[in-house]
Amino acid sequence: MGYKPVGGVRGATLYAADTVDSMPMGVDIELIDDSSSYIEEVCVERGSAVVRHTLTLKALYSNAEDWLSSEFIDMATYCGVVAEVTLNDSRQITIGHSEALQLEQPMRIKSLVIDSARSVAETPTVTLVLYSEDVAII
């Protein structure tokens, strides 16, 4: 099994999972520097290998309007999303879809947190956490 590269996340474009083959316009939000991450966790549960994918994206509230729309929330909850991710070292990876592993699941919203900030000097932010699990072939 090949592992995805590690590194902080610089950018991510999110596509509806049911249109991954046609790849129409995706949702691309400017992220806050050094605040987003991708974690790939390989676990063995009851004798089966499972890979858990967690993509955490953080943006200024003023930039995150598309994440907060009911259309995006419905898509990311029910259909799921595929993420084209650019890491801090400029490498690009796809999360939520794999030609080799057709069983890989699209990512879905685990949480969407709006932080109103603690003072007037701070800027409100939005943190979107997307999550999926797939069966690994080791």
N, C-alpha and C. Protein backbone atom coordinates (compact mmCIF):
# COMPACT_ATOMS: atom_id res chain seq x y z
N MET A 1 0.84 -1.17 0.00
CA MET A 1 0.00 0.00 0.00
C MET A 1 0.89 1.23 0.00
N GLY A 2 0.58 2.19 -0.85
CA GLY A 2 1.32 3.44 -0.87
C GLY A 2 0.69 4.44 0.07
N TYR A 3 1.53 5.17 0.76
CA TYR A 3 1.02 6.19 1.68
C TYR A 3 1.10 7.55 1.01
N LYS A 4 0.15 8.40 1.34
CA LYS A 4 0.16 9.75 0.80
C LYS A 4 1.27 10.54 1.50
N PRO A 5 1.86 11.53 0.80
CA PRO A 5 2.93 12.31 1.43
C PRO A 5 2.40 13.17 2.56
N VAL A 6 3.29 13.51 3.47
CA VAL A 6 2.90 14.35 4.59
C VAL A 6 3.36 15.78 4.34
N GLY A 7 2.79 16.69 5.07
CA GLY A 7 3.14 18.11 4.94
C GLY A 7 1.91 18.95 5.18
N GLY A 8 2.11 20.16 5.62
CA GLY A 8 0.98 21.05 5.84
C GLY A 8 0.24 21.33 4.55
N VAL A 9 -1.01 21.76 4.68
CA VAL A 9 -1.86 22.01 3.52
C VAL A 9 -1.85 23.50 3.18
N ARG A 10 -1.54 23.82 1.93
CA ARG A 10 -1.53 25.20 1.46
C ARG A 10 -2.83 25.57 0.76
N GLY A 11 -3.46 24.60 0.08
CA GLY A 11 -4.69 24.88 -0.64
C GLY A 11 -5.47 23.60 -0.89
N ALA A 12 -6.78 23.74 -1.10
CA ALA A 12 -7.62 22.58 -1.38
C ALA A 12 -8.82 23.02 -2.21
N THR A 13 -9.11 22.26 -3.25
CA THR A 13 -10.31 22.46 -4.04
C THR A 13 -11.21 21.25 -3.81
N LEU A 14 -12.46 21.51 -3.45
CA LEU A 14 -13.40 20.45 -3.11
C LEU A 14 -14.43 20.28 -4.22
N TYR A 15 -14.62 19.02 -4.65
CA TYR A 15 -15.55 18.68 -5.73
C TYR A 15 -16.61 17.72 -5.19
N ALA A 16 -17.80 17.78 -5.73
CA ALA A 16 -18.84 16.81 -5.39
C ALA A 16 -18.37 15.43 -5.84
N ALA A 17 -18.46 14.45 -4.95
CA ALA A 17 -17.96 13.11 -5.25
C ALA A 17 -18.68 12.46 -6.42
N ASP A 18 -19.95 12.77 -6.62
CA ASP A 18 -20.69 12.12 -7.71
C ASP A 18 -20.36 12.71 -9.08
N THR A 19 -19.52 13.75 -9.12
CA THR A 19 -19.12 14.33 -10.40
C THR A 19 -17.61 14.28 -10.57
N VAL A 20 -16.94 13.38 -9.84
CA VAL A 20 -15.48 13.36 -9.84
C VAL A 20 -14.92 13.08 -11.23
N ASP A 21 -15.62 12.29 -12.04
CA ASP A 21 -15.10 11.99 -13.38
C ASP A 21 -15.17 13.19 -14.31
N SER A 22 -16.18 14.02 -14.15
CA SER A 22 -16.31 15.19 -15.02
C SER A 22 -15.61 16.42 -14.45
N MET A 23 -15.35 16.44 -13.14
CA MET A 23 -14.65 17.52 -12.45
C MET A 23 -15.12 18.92 -12.86
N PRO A 24 -16.39 19.27 -12.56
CA PRO A 24 -16.84 20.63 -12.82
C PRO A 24 -16.16 21.58 -11.83
N MET A 25 -16.53 22.82 -11.84
CA MET A 25 -15.94 23.81 -10.94
C MET A 25 -16.03 23.33 -9.49
N GLY A 26 -14.93 23.44 -8.77
CA GLY A 26 -14.92 23.05 -7.38
C GLY A 26 -14.98 24.27 -6.48
N VAL A 27 -15.06 24.01 -5.18
CA VAL A 27 -15.06 25.07 -4.17
C VAL A 27 -13.62 25.24 -3.71
N ASP A 28 -13.10 26.43 -3.91
CA ASP A 28 -11.71 26.73 -3.58
C ASP A 28 -11.69 27.98 -2.70
N ILE A 29 -11.31 27.82 -1.44
CA ILE A 29 -11.30 28.91 -0.46
C ILE A 29 -9.85 29.20 -0.09
N GLU A 30 -9.50 30.47 0.01
CA GLU A 30 -8.17 30.85 0.46
C GLU A 30 -8.01 30.46 1.92
N LEU A 31 -6.98 29.69 2.22
CA LEU A 31 -6.75 29.19 3.58
C LEU A 31 -5.82 30.11 4.35
N ILE A 32 -5.92 30.05 5.67
CA ILE A 32 -5.01 30.78 6.55
C ILE A 32 -3.68 30.02 6.56
N ASP A 33 -2.57 30.74 6.38
CA ASP A 33 -1.25 30.10 6.34
C ASP A 33 -1.00 29.26 7.59
N ASP A 34 -0.47 28.07 7.38
CA ASP A 34 -0.03 27.16 8.44
C ASP A 34 -1.12 26.79 9.44
N SER A 35 -2.38 26.75 9.00
CA SER A 35 -3.48 26.41 9.90
C SER A 35 -4.27 25.19 9.44
N SER A 36 -3.93 24.62 8.29
CA SER A 36 -4.67 23.49 7.75
C SER A 36 -3.77 22.25 7.72
N SER A 37 -4.41 21.08 7.78
CA SER A 37 -3.61 19.85 7.84
C SER A 37 -4.36 18.67 7.23
N TYR A 38 -3.59 17.61 6.95
CA TYR A 38 -4.15 16.35 6.48
C TYR A 38 -3.51 15.24 7.30
N ILE A 39 -4.34 14.36 7.84
CA ILE A 39 -3.85 13.22 8.63
C ILE A 39 -4.37 11.94 7.99
N GLU A 40 -3.45 11.00 7.74
CA GLU A 40 -3.81 9.67 7.26
C GLU A 40 -3.42 8.69 8.35
N GLU A 41 -4.41 7.98 8.89
CA GLU A 41 -4.19 7.07 10.01
C GLU A 41 -4.54 5.66 9.57
N VAL A 42 -3.57 4.73 9.67
CA VAL A 42 -3.79 3.33 9.32
C VAL A 42 -4.04 2.56 10.61
N CYS A 43 -5.18 1.88 10.68
CA CYS A 43 -5.58 1.14 11.88
C CYS A 43 -5.94 -0.29 11.50
N VAL A 44 -5.83 -1.18 12.45
CA VAL A 44 -6.32 -2.55 12.25
C VAL A 44 -7.42 -2.78 13.27
N GLU A 45 -8.62 -3.04 12.75
CA GLU A 45 -9.78 -3.26 13.60
C GLU A 45 -10.38 -4.62 13.28
N ARG A 46 -10.45 -5.48 14.27
CA ARG A 46 -11.01 -6.82 14.12
C ARG A 46 -10.40 -7.55 12.92
N GLY A 47 -9.08 -7.40 12.74
CA GLY A 47 -8.37 -8.11 11.70
C GLY A 47 -8.39 -7.45 10.33
N SER A 48 -9.08 -6.32 10.18
CA SER A 48 -9.13 -5.63 8.89
C SER A 48 -8.41 -4.29 9.00
N ALA A 49 -7.63 -3.98 7.98
CA ALA A 49 -6.95 -2.70 7.94
C ALA A 49 -7.91 -1.62 7.44
N VAL A 50 -7.92 -0.49 8.13
CA VAL A 50 -8.77 0.64 7.78
C VAL A 50 -7.88 1.88 7.75
N VAL A 51 -8.10 2.73 6.74
CA VAL A 51 -7.38 3.99 6.66
C VAL A 51 -8.36 5.11 6.92
N ARG A 52 -8.03 5.96 7.89
CA ARG A 52 -8.87 7.11 8.23
C ARG A 52 -8.20 8.36 7.68
N HIS A 53 -8.97 9.16 6.96
CA HIS A 53 -8.48 10.40 6.36
C HIS A 53 -9.17 11.58 7.04
N THR A 54 -8.40 12.53 7.54
CA THR A 54 -8.95 13.74 8.16
C THR A 54 -8.28 14.95 7.53
N LEU A 55 -9.08 15.78 6.88
CA LEU A 55 -8.60 16.99 6.25
C LEU A 55 -9.20 18.17 7.01
N THR A 56 -8.34 18.99 7.61
CA THR A 56 -8.78 20.15 8.38
C THR A 56 -8.37 21.40 7.61
N LEU A 57 -9.37 22.21 7.25
CA LEU A 57 -9.14 23.43 6.49
C LEU A 57 -9.62 24.63 7.31
N LYS A 58 -8.78 25.66 7.39
CA LYS A 58 -9.13 26.84 8.18
C LYS A 58 -9.00 28.09 7.32
N ALA A 59 -10.05 28.93 7.34
CA ALA A 59 -10.08 30.15 6.54
C ALA A 59 -10.67 31.30 7.34
N LEU A 60 -10.41 32.49 6.89
CA LEU A 60 -11.07 33.64 7.48
C LEU A 60 -12.57 33.55 7.19
N TYR A 61 -13.37 33.98 8.14
CA TYR A 61 -14.83 33.95 7.97
C TYR A 61 -15.24 34.68 6.70
N SER A 62 -14.60 35.80 6.43
CA SER A 62 -14.94 36.61 5.25
C SER A 62 -14.66 35.89 3.94
N ASN A 63 -13.80 34.86 3.95
CA ASN A 63 -13.48 34.11 2.73
C ASN A 63 -14.26 32.81 2.61
N ALA A 64 -14.95 32.38 3.67
CA ALA A 64 -15.53 31.03 3.74
C ALA A 64 -17.01 30.97 3.38
N GLU A 65 -17.50 31.95 2.68
CA GLU A 65 -18.93 32.01 2.35
C GLU A 65 -19.41 30.73 1.64
N ASP A 66 -18.61 30.19 0.72
CA ASP A 66 -19.03 28.98 -0.01
C ASP A 66 -19.18 27.77 0.91
N TRP A 67 -18.32 27.65 1.93
CA TRP A 67 -18.44 26.53 2.87
C TRP A 67 -19.72 26.62 3.69
N LEU A 68 -20.20 27.83 3.91
CA LEU A 68 -21.35 28.05 4.78
C LEU A 68 -22.69 28.01 4.03
N SER A 69 -22.65 27.85 2.73
CA SER A 69 -23.90 27.80 1.96
C SER A 69 -24.60 26.46 2.20
N SER A 70 -25.91 26.48 2.17
CA SER A 70 -26.67 25.24 2.38
C SER A 70 -26.39 24.23 1.27
N GLU A 71 -26.12 24.69 0.05
CA GLU A 71 -25.82 23.78 -1.06
C GLU A 71 -24.53 23.01 -0.78
N PHE A 72 -23.48 23.72 -0.31
CA PHE A 72 -22.22 23.04 -0.02
C PHE A 72 -22.38 22.08 1.15
N ILE A 73 -23.03 22.51 2.20
CA ILE A 73 -23.21 21.65 3.38
C ILE A 73 -23.98 20.39 3.00
N ASP A 74 -25.04 20.51 2.22
CA ASP A 74 -25.79 19.34 1.76
C ASP A 74 -24.91 18.42 0.92
N MET A 75 -24.15 18.99 -0.02
CA MET A 75 -23.28 18.19 -0.88
C MET A 75 -22.25 17.44 -0.05
N ALA A 76 -21.59 18.15 0.86
CA ALA A 76 -20.51 17.54 1.65
C ALA A 76 -21.03 16.56 2.69
N THR A 77 -22.31 16.68 3.05
CA THR A 77 -22.90 15.77 4.02
C THR A 77 -23.43 14.50 3.35
N TYR A 78 -24.18 14.67 2.28
CA TYR A 78 -24.89 13.53 1.67
C TYR A 78 -24.14 12.89 0.51
N CYS A 79 -23.60 13.69 -0.39
CA CYS A 79 -22.90 13.18 -1.57
C CYS A 79 -21.43 12.88 -1.23
N GLY A 80 -20.84 13.73 -0.43
CA GLY A 80 -19.42 13.62 -0.11
C GLY A 80 -18.60 14.43 -1.11
N VAL A 81 -17.35 14.67 -0.75
CA VAL A 81 -16.47 15.46 -1.60
C VAL A 81 -15.15 14.75 -1.84
N VAL A 82 -14.54 15.12 -2.94
CA VAL A 82 -13.18 14.72 -3.27
C VAL A 82 -12.34 15.98 -3.18
N ALA A 83 -11.20 15.89 -2.54
CA ALA A 83 -10.34 17.06 -2.34
C ALA A 83 -9.07 16.94 -3.16
N GLU A 84 -8.79 17.94 -3.97
CA GLU A 84 -7.50 18.09 -4.65
C GLU A 84 -6.70 19.03 -3.76
N VAL A 85 -5.68 18.50 -3.11
CA VAL A 85 -4.95 19.22 -2.07
C VAL A 85 -3.54 19.58 -2.53
N THR A 86 -3.14 20.81 -2.25
CA THR A 86 -1.76 21.24 -2.49
C THR A 86 -1.08 21.35 -1.13
N LEU A 87 0.00 20.59 -0.97
CA LEU A 87 0.75 20.61 0.29
C LEU A 87 1.71 21.79 0.30
N ASN A 88 2.25 22.11 1.46
CA ASN A 88 3.17 23.25 1.58
C ASN A 88 4.41 23.11 0.71
N ASP A 89 4.80 21.89 0.39
CA ASP A 89 5.99 21.69 -0.46
C ASP A 89 5.61 21.62 -1.94
N SER A 90 4.39 22.02 -2.29
CA SER A 90 3.86 22.10 -3.66
C SER A 90 3.40 20.77 -4.25
N ARG A 91 3.57 19.66 -3.53
CA ARG A 91 3.04 18.38 -4.04
C ARG A 91 1.53 18.43 -4.01
N GLN A 92 0.90 17.70 -4.94
CA GLN A 92 -0.55 17.64 -5.00
C GLN A 92 -1.01 16.20 -4.80
N ILE A 93 -2.07 16.05 -3.98
CA ILE A 93 -2.65 14.74 -3.71
C ILE A 93 -4.17 14.83 -3.84
N THR A 94 -4.79 13.69 -4.07
CA THR A 94 -6.25 13.59 -4.11
C THR A 94 -6.69 12.78 -2.92
N ILE A 95 -7.70 13.28 -2.21
CA ILE A 95 -8.24 12.58 -1.04
C ILE A 95 -9.73 12.36 -1.28
N GLY A 96 -10.18 11.12 -1.06
CA GLY A 96 -11.60 10.82 -1.21
C GLY A 96 -11.94 10.09 -2.49
N HIS A 97 -10.94 9.86 -3.34
CA HIS A 97 -11.16 9.10 -4.57
C HIS A 97 -9.84 8.50 -5.00
N SER A 98 -9.90 7.28 -5.51
CA SER A 98 -8.69 6.61 -5.95
C SER A 98 -9.04 5.68 -7.10
N GLU A 99 -8.32 5.78 -8.19
CA GLU A 99 -8.53 4.85 -9.32
C GLU A 99 -8.16 3.43 -8.90
N ALA A 100 -7.08 3.30 -8.12
CA ALA A 100 -6.62 1.97 -7.72
C ALA A 100 -7.52 1.34 -6.66
N LEU A 101 -8.02 2.14 -5.75
CA LEU A 101 -8.86 1.63 -4.65
C LEU A 101 -10.28 2.14 -4.83
N GLN A 102 -11.08 1.44 -5.59
CA GLN A 102 -12.44 1.89 -5.84
C GLN A 102 -13.28 1.92 -4.57
N LEU A 103 -12.85 1.24 -3.51
CA LEU A 103 -13.60 1.22 -2.26
C LEU A 103 -13.36 2.47 -1.41
N GLU A 104 -12.39 3.29 -1.81
CA GLU A 104 -12.12 4.49 -1.03
C GLU A 104 -13.36 5.37 -1.01
N GLN A 105 -13.70 5.88 0.14
CA GLN A 105 -14.93 6.64 0.32
C GLN A 105 -14.68 8.14 0.18
N PRO A 106 -15.67 8.87 -0.36
CA PRO A 106 -15.53 10.32 -0.40
C PRO A 106 -15.53 10.89 1.01
N MET A 107 -14.99 12.07 1.14
CA MET A 107 -14.95 12.73 2.44
C MET A 107 -16.29 13.40 2.72
N ARG A 108 -16.65 13.42 4.00
CA ARG A 108 -17.89 14.08 4.42
C ARG A 108 -17.58 15.00 5.60
N ILE A 109 -18.48 15.94 5.84
CA ILE A 109 -18.25 16.89 6.94
C ILE A 109 -18.27 16.16 8.28
N LYS A 110 -17.20 16.34 9.02
CA LYS A 110 -17.16 15.87 10.41
C LYS A 110 -17.55 17.02 11.32
N SER A 111 -17.07 18.23 11.00
CA SER A 111 -17.47 19.41 11.76
C SER A 111 -17.24 20.67 10.93
N LEU A 112 -18.00 21.69 11.26
CA LEU A 112 -17.88 23.01 10.65
C LEU A 112 -18.02 24.00 11.80
N VAL A 113 -16.91 24.64 12.17
CA VAL A 113 -16.87 25.49 13.36
C VAL A 113 -16.64 26.94 12.95
N ILE A 114 -17.53 27.82 13.41
CA ILE A 114 -17.37 29.25 13.18
C ILE A 114 -16.92 29.86 14.49
N ASP A 115 -15.70 30.41 14.49
CA ASP A 115 -15.13 31.03 15.69
C ASP A 115 -15.28 32.54 15.54
N SER A 116 -16.11 33.14 16.38
CA SER A 116 -16.39 34.58 16.27
C SER A 116 -15.26 35.46 16.78
N ALA A 117 -14.21 34.87 17.30
CA ALA A 117 -13.04 35.57 17.85
C ALA A 117 -13.36 36.08 19.25
N ARG A 118 -12.31 36.30 20.03
CA ARG A 118 -12.48 36.67 21.42
C ARG A 118 -12.41 38.17 21.65
N SER A 119 -11.90 38.91 20.66
CA SER A 119 -11.80 40.36 20.82
C SER A 119 -11.97 41.04 19.47
N VAL A 120 -12.13 42.33 19.49
CA VAL A 120 -12.27 43.10 18.26
C VAL A 120 -11.00 43.01 17.42
N ALA A 121 -9.86 42.83 18.08
CA ALA A 121 -8.58 42.75 17.38
C ALA A 121 -8.41 41.44 16.61
N GLU A 122 -9.15 40.42 16.98
CA GLU A 122 -9.04 39.12 16.30
C GLU A 122 -10.02 39.04 15.14
N THR A 123 -9.70 38.19 14.18
CA THR A 123 -10.55 38.01 13.00
C THR A 123 -11.31 36.70 13.12
N PRO A 124 -12.61 36.69 12.89
CA PRO A 124 -13.39 35.44 12.93
C PRO A 124 -12.89 34.45 11.88
N THR A 125 -12.95 33.17 12.22
CA THR A 125 -12.48 32.12 11.31
C THR A 125 -13.53 31.02 11.19
N VAL A 126 -13.34 30.20 10.18
CA VAL A 126 -14.17 29.00 9.97
C VAL A 126 -13.22 27.83 9.80
N THR A 127 -13.49 26.74 10.53
CA THR A 127 -12.70 25.52 10.40
C THR A 127 -13.61 24.41 9.91
N LEU A 128 -13.26 23.84 8.76
CA LEU A 128 -14.00 22.75 8.15
C LEU A 128 -13.18 21.48 8.29
N VAL A 129 -13.76 20.45 8.91
CA VAL A 129 -13.08 19.17 9.05
C VAL A 129 -13.85 18.15 8.22
N LEU A 130 -13.14 17.55 7.26
CA LEU A 130 -13.70 16.50 6.40
C LEU A 130 -13.06 15.18 6.78
N TYR A 131 -13.85 14.09 6.68
CA TYR A 131 -13.39 12.79 7.19
C TYR A 131 -13.90 11.66 6.29
N SER A 132 -13.08 10.65 6.15
CA SER A 132 -13.53 9.42 5.48
C SER A 132 -12.70 8.24 5.97
N GLU A 133 -13.24 7.06 5.74
CA GLU A 133 -12.53 5.81 6.03
C GLU A 133 -12.58 4.95 4.80
N ASP A 134 -11.51 4.19 4.56
CA ASP A 134 -11.55 3.20 3.50
C ASP A 134 -10.81 1.95 3.95
N VAL A 135 -11.07 0.89 3.25
CA VAL A 135 -10.42 -0.39 3.54
C VAL A 135 -9.08 -0.40 2.84
N ALA A 136 -8.02 -0.69 3.59
CA ALA A 136 -6.68 -0.70 3.03
C ALA A 136 -6.29 -2.09 2.57
N ILE A 137 -5.51 -2.14 1.52
CA ILE A 137 -4.95 -3.41 1.06
C ILE A 137 -3.47 -3.36 1.38
N ILE A 138 -3.07 -4.13 2.40
CA ILE A 138 -1.67 -4.08 2.85
C ILE A 138 -0.94 -5.32 2.37
